[in-house]
Amino acid sequence: MQILLSTLLMFCLHGVAGQASWDAALHLHINSTRDTFNARCLDGSNGGFYYRASSSSSSSRKWKFHFMGGGWCFSGPDCVGRSKSLLGSSSYWTPTLSALWAPEGAGFYGLMAANDTSINPFGDWNFVWFAYCDGSSQLSDRVDPVVVGSTTLHYRGRALLDAHLFELERLYSFLSTATEVIVSGTSAGGMSAYLQSSYIKTQLRAPGARLVAAPDAGFWWDVPRYGGADSIWLNNMKAATPATHWNATLRGNAGACLLNPPSSNALLCYTQPHAYAYLDIPTFVVQSVADPANFGICWGLPCSLKGNSPGTCNAQELAAITAFGAWLAGNITAAQSAFVARDGHFLTSCNQHEESCRQFDWWGISVRGLTMNQTFYNCVWRSLRASPFSPTVL
C-alpha cells in the first residue's frame, strides 16, 4: 500500500473527539514466576501486568499489548532513584490501572480504549498493559544483581518480558491462540515496540497469526546535540548498554543488527533510524516532530515551547526547531522507504509527548481529512484484516 504522510505545519489543532471509556477494569496480575525466570524489577520485586479481557466472543483471540513508558536509567545512581518509585518497583502499583495512571492524564483512551467498535474496531479486544519497572525498555539481561551504594539493583528487563509472555500463555493462552495482535508503546515503551515486537511475533503459535507494531513517541535518534557535534542519545546508549550496566540484548530480527551493525557501531542498533531496517513486521509510527521529550533527550534544546506559543525560545531557536522537525520527519520517511507497501505513519507537529493514548489526539487530530484512528486502520491494519471497516469521523 502507499505510505500516508500526515503532517501538521507547526502546532496541532484538535477536533471534537467521540466518547471513549476511562477503563478502570484493567486489573493487576503480579507474576508468580519471578524465581523461574529471575524476573525482577530494579528493586527485586516481582514484575507484572494489567489485563482486561475481551468483551466479545468474536474478539477473544485478538489482543492489544501495550508497553508502558517512563524513560530509562542510564547510570547506577539513576537506577537507584528509579528503584524507589513505581518505575522501578511493583510495591507502588495499585490493583487497578486507573488508580496508578489517572494522575498522568493519559492511559486507556485512544488506541487503548474499550468502546463502541463502530468508532474503534479494536475496542472489544483483550488488552494487556505491560507495567514498566526495569528502566531499560526490556533490553537488560545482567544475571547477577549489582550493589550501588547501599542499594541492590536487578537489571532483568529481558526476563520480565519472558515471564509476562509465559504468564499470559498460562492464564489466557495468549501465545497459542492469538490470531491478531497490536503491539503498541509510548515513549520508552515506544522504543520497546520498535525493538521487541519482532521477538513477540516469533513467540505466537496460532497458524497465520498477524502482528502490527504501533510505536508512539519512540523514535529516539542520533541527532547531533544542539550547538554541538556529539550525540546525546548515543552517549546514553554507550553508558547504558554494556555488560557493566544493562548488558543489553536484542532478539527476533532486531538481534540480527548486532551481528553486523551499521558502520560497525552496535549502539546504532538501539537507535531507531538504523534499527528500523530490521523490523520485519508491519509498523505504524506515531510521532510528533516537535516532541519536547525528543528535544531534551536527543537534542538538548536550551529553550522550551509553551503551548502554541514560542515560550522561552528565541527566533533562532524557533528556526532550529522547524529544521529539526523536517530532519526528524525525513529520518522517519527514509527509514520506511524500503517498506512503503507495508508501513505507515502519522506525523504531527504537536508540542506534546505521546499521542496514541489520549482521546482528543487519537480521534481529534485530523490531517488531510483523516484522524490517527482512520490513518492507522487505512494505512496498516486494513491490509491484515478480512472484514471491511469505515471508522466514524468525529
Protein backbone atom coordinates (compact mmCIF):
# COMPACT_ATOMS: atom_id res chain seq x y z
CA MET A 1 0.00 0.00 0.00
CA GLN A 2 1.14 3.56 -0.43
CA ILE A 3 2.54 5.15 2.67
CA LEU A 4 0.48 8.03 4.09
CA LEU A 5 2.35 11.09 5.35
CA SER A 6 0.17 13.05 7.77
CA THR A 7 1.99 16.16 8.97
CA LEU A 8 0.82 19.40 10.55
CA LEU A 9 2.65 22.64 9.87
CA MET A 10 3.64 23.69 13.38
CA PHE A 11 1.15 23.18 16.15
CA CYS A 12 -1.81 20.87 16.48
CA LEU A 13 -5.47 21.75 16.35
CA HIS A 14 -7.80 19.21 17.93
CA GLY A 15 -11.20 18.41 16.57
CA VAL A 16 -14.14 17.15 18.58
CA ALA A 17 -13.48 13.63 19.85
CA GLY A 18 -16.08 10.96 20.46
CA GLN A 19 -16.82 9.35 23.77
CA ALA A 20 -14.49 6.64 25.00
CA SER A 21 -14.30 4.94 28.33
CA TRP A 22 -11.79 5.64 31.05
CA ASP A 23 -11.46 1.98 31.80
CA ALA A 24 -10.75 1.03 35.41
CA ALA A 25 -11.24 -2.64 34.63
CA LEU A 26 -7.58 -3.38 33.97
CA HIS A 27 -6.52 -5.41 36.97
CA LEU A 28 -3.01 -6.09 38.17
CA HIS A 29 -1.50 -9.52 37.78
CA ILE A 30 1.77 -9.95 39.66
CA ASN A 31 3.88 -12.64 38.03
CA SER A 32 4.31 -15.80 40.05
CA THR A 33 7.35 -16.87 38.05
CA ARG A 34 9.94 -14.46 39.43
CA ASP A 35 12.31 -17.21 40.50
CA THR A 36 11.73 -19.35 37.38
CA PHE A 37 12.93 -16.54 35.10
CA ASN A 38 14.83 -14.49 37.67
CA ALA A 39 12.39 -11.81 36.51
CA ARG A 40 12.61 -8.84 38.82
CA CYS A 41 12.01 -5.12 38.87
CA LEU A 42 15.02 -2.95 39.63
CA ASP A 43 14.40 -3.30 43.38
CA GLY A 44 14.00 -7.09 43.18
CA SER A 45 10.21 -7.13 43.43
CA ASN A 46 8.01 -9.20 41.12
CA GLY A 47 7.05 -7.72 37.78
CA GLY A 48 3.51 -7.77 36.48
CA PHE A 49 0.95 -6.53 34.01
CA TYR A 50 -2.57 -5.14 33.92
CA TYR A 51 -5.19 -7.07 31.98
CA ARG A 52 -8.68 -6.54 30.62
CA ALA A 53 -10.47 -9.44 28.95
CA SER A 54 -12.14 -9.19 25.57
CA SER A 55 -15.75 -8.05 25.79
CA SER A 56 -16.98 -10.18 22.87
CA SER A 57 -16.54 -13.77 21.79
CA SER A 58 -15.64 -12.66 18.26
CA SER A 59 -12.56 -10.88 19.61
CA SER A 60 -11.49 -13.45 22.18
CA ARG A 61 -8.36 -14.25 20.15
CA LYS A 62 -7.46 -10.62 19.41
CA TRP A 63 -5.05 -8.70 21.60
CA LYS A 64 -3.70 -5.23 22.25
CA PHE A 65 -0.33 -5.40 24.01
CA HIS A 66 0.95 -2.06 25.29
CA PHE A 67 4.40 -1.22 26.65
CA MET A 68 4.20 1.44 29.35
CA GLY A 69 6.68 4.29 29.00
CA GLY A 70 8.69 6.19 31.57
CA GLY A 71 12.22 6.83 30.28
CA TRP A 72 15.35 4.92 31.26
CA CYS A 73 18.06 4.90 33.89
CA PHE A 74 21.41 5.26 32.18
CA SER A 75 23.59 5.00 35.29
CA GLY A 76 23.69 3.23 38.64
CA PRO A 77 22.63 6.29 40.66
CA ASP A 78 19.78 6.95 38.22
CA CYS A 79 18.57 3.38 38.68
CA VAL A 80 18.79 3.64 42.48
CA GLY A 81 16.41 6.56 42.45
CA ARG A 82 14.14 4.82 39.99
CA SER A 83 14.03 1.64 42.10
CA LYS A 84 12.24 3.63 44.80
CA SER A 85 9.35 4.58 42.52
CA LEU A 86 6.57 2.93 40.51
CA LEU A 87 9.00 2.83 37.57
CA GLY A 88 11.34 0.50 39.43
CA SER A 89 9.25 -1.37 41.97
CA SER A 90 5.91 -3.15 41.83
CA SER A 91 5.37 -2.32 45.50
CA TYR A 92 3.99 1.04 44.30
CA TRP A 93 1.49 -0.47 41.87
CA THR A 94 -2.25 -0.32 42.53
CA PRO A 95 -4.86 -3.07 41.99
CA THR A 96 -6.40 -1.24 39.02
CA LEU A 97 -4.51 0.66 36.36
CA SER A 98 -6.67 3.77 36.51
CA ALA A 99 -5.64 4.30 40.13
CA LEU A 100 -1.98 4.07 39.12
CA TRP A 101 -2.06 6.15 35.96
CA ALA A 102 -5.02 8.54 36.27
CA PRO A 103 -2.92 11.44 37.63
CA GLU A 104 -0.92 11.39 34.41
CA GLY A 105 -3.95 12.37 32.33
CA ALA A 106 -3.47 9.55 29.84
CA GLY A 107 -3.96 5.84 29.86
CA PHE A 108 -6.76 3.94 28.18
CA TYR A 109 -8.25 6.38 25.71
CA GLY A 110 -7.33 6.40 22.03
CA LEU A 111 -5.96 3.12 20.73
CA MET A 112 -6.22 1.73 24.28
CA ALA A 113 -9.93 2.47 24.77
CA ALA A 114 -12.70 0.00 25.32
CA ASN A 115 -15.64 1.49 23.48
CA ASP A 116 -18.11 1.20 20.61
CA THR A 117 -16.50 -0.84 17.82
CA SER A 118 -18.21 1.37 15.24
CA ILE A 119 -15.74 4.01 16.39
CA ASN A 120 -12.82 1.85 17.47
CA PRO A 121 -12.53 -1.54 15.72
CA PHE A 122 -10.18 -2.70 18.49
CA GLY A 123 -12.38 -1.60 21.41
CA ASP A 124 -13.51 -5.11 22.39
CA TRP A 125 -10.11 -6.82 22.21
CA ASN A 126 -8.13 -8.31 25.08
CA PHE A 127 -5.81 -5.65 26.45
CA VAL A 128 -2.50 -6.05 28.30
CA TRP A 129 -0.63 -3.11 29.79
CA PHE A 130 2.99 -4.12 30.42
CA ALA A 131 3.92 -2.37 33.67
CA TYR A 132 7.43 -0.92 33.35
CA CYS A 133 9.95 -1.40 36.13
CA ASP A 134 13.30 -2.34 34.55
CA GLY A 135 14.45 1.06 33.25
CA SER A 136 15.82 -0.44 30.02
CA SER A 137 12.91 -0.97 27.60
CA GLN A 138 13.23 -4.70 28.41
CA LEU A 139 16.78 -4.80 26.99
CA SER A 140 18.72 -5.55 30.18
CA ASP A 141 19.96 -9.08 30.89
CA ARG A 142 22.51 -8.96 33.67
CA VAL A 143 22.38 -12.24 35.60
CA ASP A 144 23.72 -11.12 38.96
CA PRO A 145 22.44 -8.13 40.92
CA VAL A 146 24.55 -5.02 41.30
CA VAL A 147 25.13 -3.11 44.52
CA VAL A 148 25.23 0.68 44.14
CA GLY A 149 25.98 2.32 47.46
CA SER A 150 23.66 0.54 49.86
CA THR A 151 21.07 -0.42 47.19
CA THR A 152 20.88 -3.74 45.33
CA LEU A 153 19.69 -3.42 41.73
CA HIS A 154 18.44 -6.07 39.30
CA TYR A 155 18.79 -5.49 35.54
CA ARG A 156 16.31 -8.11 34.32
CA GLY A 157 14.19 -6.46 31.62
CA ARG A 158 14.54 -9.31 29.15
CA ALA A 159 13.48 -11.84 31.79
CA LEU A 160 10.46 -9.71 32.71
CA LEU A 161 9.23 -9.82 29.12
CA ASP A 162 9.69 -13.59 29.02
CA ALA A 163 7.85 -14.01 32.32
CA HIS A 164 4.99 -11.86 31.08
CA LEU A 165 4.61 -13.90 27.92
CA PHE A 166 4.75 -17.13 29.91
CA GLU A 167 2.08 -15.93 32.34
CA LEU A 168 -0.17 -14.67 29.55
CA GLU A 169 0.04 -18.07 27.89
CA ARG A 170 -0.50 -19.96 31.15
CA LEU A 171 -3.52 -17.89 32.17
CA TYR A 172 -5.11 -16.87 28.86
CA SER A 173 -3.45 -18.97 26.10
CA PHE A 174 -2.16 -15.78 24.50
CA LEU A 175 0.74 -17.25 22.55
CA SER A 176 -1.07 -20.37 21.37
CA THR A 177 -4.39 -18.82 20.34
CA ALA A 178 -3.86 -15.12 19.45
CA THR A 179 -4.64 -14.52 15.78
CA GLU A 180 -4.38 -10.71 15.64
CA VAL A 181 -2.08 -8.63 17.83
CA ILE A 182 -1.32 -4.92 18.03
CA VAL A 183 1.88 -4.15 19.96
CA SER A 184 1.93 -0.50 20.96
CA GLY A 185 4.04 1.55 23.33
CA THR A 186 4.66 5.13 24.32
CA SER A 187 7.98 6.90 24.89
CA ALA A 188 10.37 4.30 26.34
CA GLY A 189 7.54 1.88 25.59
CA GLY A 190 7.63 3.14 22.02
CA MET A 191 11.25 2.05 21.90
CA SER A 192 10.10 -1.32 23.25
CA ALA A 193 7.55 -1.57 20.46
CA TYR A 194 10.29 -0.95 17.89
CA LEU A 195 12.80 -3.36 19.42
CA GLN A 196 10.65 -6.10 21.00
CA SER A 197 7.76 -6.61 18.54
CA SER A 198 9.71 -8.85 16.20
CA TYR A 199 10.57 -11.16 19.09
CA ILE A 200 6.97 -11.28 20.30
CA LYS A 201 5.89 -12.23 16.78
CA THR A 202 8.28 -15.22 16.88
CA GLN A 203 6.51 -16.48 20.02
CA LEU A 204 2.99 -16.55 18.52
CA ARG A 205 1.91 -20.09 17.68
CA ALA A 206 -1.54 -19.83 16.08
CA PRO A 207 -1.41 -20.56 12.33
CA GLY A 208 -1.44 -17.33 10.37
CA ALA A 209 -1.15 -15.10 13.45
CA ARG A 210 -0.73 -11.45 12.48
CA LEU A 211 1.04 -8.73 14.42
CA VAL A 212 1.39 -4.98 13.85
CA ALA A 213 3.60 -2.58 15.82
CA ALA A 214 2.35 0.92 16.70
CA PRO A 215 5.20 2.77 18.46
CA ASP A 216 4.28 6.24 19.74
CA ALA A 217 6.86 8.92 20.57
CA GLY A 218 9.56 6.26 20.50
CA PHE A 219 11.73 7.36 17.58
CA TRP A 220 14.89 8.04 19.58
CA TRP A 221 17.75 9.02 17.32
CA ASP A 222 21.37 10.06 16.99
CA VAL A 223 20.82 13.73 16.08
CA PRO A 224 23.84 15.89 16.97
CA ARG A 225 23.46 17.88 20.16
CA TYR A 226 22.05 21.39 19.73
CA GLY A 227 25.06 23.60 19.10
CA GLY A 228 27.45 20.64 19.23
CA ALA A 229 28.72 17.63 17.31
CA ASP A 230 28.24 14.71 19.69
CA SER A 231 25.02 12.74 20.09
CA ILE A 232 23.29 12.79 23.49
CA TRP A 233 21.39 9.62 22.61
CA LEU A 234 24.48 7.66 21.56
CA ASN A 235 26.30 8.89 24.67
CA ASN A 236 23.48 7.49 26.80
CA MET A 237 23.41 4.20 24.90
CA LYS A 238 27.20 3.92 25.28
CA ALA A 239 26.80 4.28 29.05
CA ALA A 240 23.74 2.06 29.43
CA THR A 241 24.05 -0.92 27.10
CA PRO A 242 27.42 -2.53 28.04
CA ALA A 243 27.75 -5.59 30.25
CA THR A 244 28.87 -3.31 33.07
CA HIS A 245 25.35 -1.83 33.21
CA TRP A 246 22.27 -3.21 31.36
CA ASN A 247 24.14 -5.91 29.43
CA ALA A 248 21.68 -5.06 26.66
CA THR A 249 20.35 -7.72 24.31
CA LEU A 250 18.22 -7.78 21.17
CA ARG A 251 16.08 -10.66 19.93
CA GLY A 252 13.90 -11.52 16.98
CA ASN A 253 15.03 -9.96 13.75
CA ALA A 254 16.31 -6.97 15.73
CA GLY A 255 19.07 -9.23 17.02
CA ALA A 256 20.45 -9.56 13.50
CA CYS A 257 21.56 -5.93 13.73
CA LEU A 258 24.13 -6.77 16.41
CA LEU A 259 25.71 -9.42 14.16
CA ASN A 260 26.58 -6.82 11.54
CA PRO A 261 25.82 -3.38 12.97
CA PRO A 262 25.60 -0.26 10.80
CA SER A 263 29.01 1.43 10.46
CA SER A 264 30.33 -1.31 12.79
CA ASN A 265 28.69 0.57 15.67
CA ALA A 266 26.43 -1.61 17.82
CA LEU A 267 24.98 1.48 19.52
CA LEU A 268 23.10 2.24 16.30
CA CYS A 269 21.10 -0.96 16.79
CA TYR A 270 19.34 0.83 19.67
CA THR A 271 18.76 3.93 17.55
CA GLN A 272 15.56 3.96 15.52
CA PRO A 273 16.72 5.40 12.17
CA HIS A 274 19.10 2.45 11.90
CA ALA A 275 17.25 -0.25 13.87
CA TYR A 276 14.15 0.27 11.73
CA ALA A 277 15.74 -1.65 8.85
CA TYR A 278 15.46 -4.83 10.94
CA LEU A 279 11.72 -4.52 11.64
CA ASP A 280 10.12 -7.49 9.92
CA ILE A 281 6.51 -6.67 10.82
CA PRO A 282 4.03 -4.02 9.63
CA THR A 283 4.68 -0.85 11.63
CA PHE A 284 2.67 2.35 12.11
CA VAL A 285 4.76 5.20 13.51
CA VAL A 286 3.05 7.87 15.62
CA GLN A 287 5.45 10.74 16.29
CA SER A 288 5.39 14.47 16.84
CA VAL A 289 8.33 16.13 15.15
CA ALA A 290 8.07 18.83 17.84
CA ASP A 291 8.06 16.37 20.74
CA PRO A 292 9.54 18.17 23.79
CA ALA A 293 10.92 14.89 25.15
CA ASN A 294 12.78 14.28 21.88
CA PHE A 295 14.09 17.85 22.07
CA GLY A 296 15.51 17.18 25.51
CA ILE A 297 16.62 13.55 25.42
CA CYS A 298 18.11 13.56 21.92
CA TRP A 299 18.83 17.18 21.04
CA GLY A 300 19.40 19.22 24.19
CA LEU A 301 17.35 22.22 23.12
CA PRO A 302 18.08 25.03 25.63
CA CYS A 303 14.57 26.54 25.48
CA SER A 304 11.00 25.26 25.70
CA LEU A 305 7.83 25.99 23.77
CA LYS A 306 4.70 26.82 25.71
CA GLY A 307 1.51 25.51 24.17
CA ASN A 308 1.15 27.13 20.76
CA SER A 309 3.50 29.98 21.64
CA PRO A 310 7.29 30.38 21.43
CA GLY A 311 7.65 30.07 25.21
CA THR A 312 11.30 30.76 26.07
CA CYS A 313 12.55 30.14 22.52
CA ASN A 314 14.02 33.00 20.51
CA ALA A 315 13.77 33.45 16.73
CA GLN A 316 16.98 31.50 16.08
CA GLU A 317 15.82 28.59 18.22
CA LEU A 318 12.38 28.57 16.60
CA ALA A 319 14.04 28.34 13.19
CA ALA A 320 16.15 25.45 14.50
CA ILE A 321 13.00 23.71 15.78
CA THR A 322 11.44 23.91 12.32
CA ALA A 323 14.61 22.46 10.79
CA PHE A 324 14.74 19.74 13.46
CA GLY A 325 11.15 18.74 12.69
CA ALA A 326 11.86 18.45 8.97
CA TRP A 327 15.00 16.44 9.71
CA LEU A 328 13.18 14.05 12.06
CA ALA A 329 10.33 13.58 9.56
CA GLY A 330 12.91 12.91 6.88
CA ASN A 331 14.57 10.27 9.06
CA ILE A 332 11.25 8.51 9.59
CA THR A 333 10.23 8.54 5.93
CA ALA A 334 13.73 7.43 4.90
CA ALA A 335 13.63 4.56 7.41
CA GLN A 336 10.28 3.48 5.99
CA SER A 337 11.27 3.92 2.34
CA ALA A 338 12.09 0.23 1.97
CA PHE A 339 8.68 -0.71 3.38
CA VAL A 340 6.25 1.61 1.59
CA ALA A 341 3.95 -1.30 0.76
CA ARG A 342 3.86 -2.40 4.39
CA ASP A 343 4.15 0.50 6.81
CA GLY A 344 2.63 3.88 7.57
CA HIS A 345 2.91 6.84 9.87
CA PHE A 346 1.08 9.80 11.39
CA LEU A 347 3.45 12.69 12.00
CA THR A 348 2.30 15.84 13.74
CA SER A 349 4.00 18.99 14.95
CA CYS A 350 2.27 18.96 18.33
CA ASN A 351 4.15 20.44 21.25
CA GLN A 352 3.41 17.33 23.29
CA HIS A 353 4.81 13.91 24.09
CA GLU A 354 2.75 10.78 23.22
CA GLU A 355 -0.47 10.87 21.22
CA SER A 356 -2.00 7.41 20.89
CA CYS A 357 -3.34 7.21 24.47
CA ARG A 358 -5.44 10.35 24.54
CA GLN A 359 -8.94 10.57 23.22
CA PHE A 360 -8.59 14.12 21.84
CA ASP A 361 -5.46 13.09 19.91
CA TRP A 362 -6.32 9.64 18.53
CA TRP A 363 -9.75 10.73 17.32
CA GLY A 364 -9.37 14.51 17.48
CA ILE A 365 -6.33 15.41 15.39
CA SER A 366 -7.26 15.33 11.73
CA VAL A 367 -4.83 15.66 8.84
CA ARG A 368 -5.97 15.57 5.23
CA GLY A 369 -9.40 14.62 6.49
CA LEU A 370 -8.20 11.56 8.43
CA THR A 371 -7.76 11.04 12.15
CA MET A 372 -4.99 8.91 13.65
CA ASN A 373 -7.54 6.15 14.12
CA GLN A 374 -8.52 6.22 10.46
CA THR A 375 -4.94 6.58 9.23
CA PHE A 376 -3.78 3.61 11.29
CA TYR A 377 -6.61 1.47 10.00
CA ASN A 378 -6.39 2.54 6.37
CA CYS A 379 -2.62 2.56 6.20
CA VAL A 380 -1.60 -0.59 8.02
CA TRP A 381 -4.25 -2.64 9.70
CA ARG A 382 -6.81 -2.96 6.92
CA SER A 383 -4.38 -4.98 4.84
CA LEU A 384 -4.26 -7.58 7.61
CA ARG A 385 -8.00 -7.91 8.19
CA ALA A 386 -10.54 -9.66 6.04
CA SER A 387 -13.58 -7.64 7.16
CA PRO A 388 -14.12 -4.07 5.96
CA PHE A 389 -14.30 -1.18 8.39
CA SER A 390 -15.05 2.51 7.88
CA PRO A 391 -14.16 4.42 11.06
CA THR A 392 -16.54 7.15 12.09
CA VAL A 393 -15.32 10.71 11.54
CA LEU A 394 -15.65 12.50 14.89
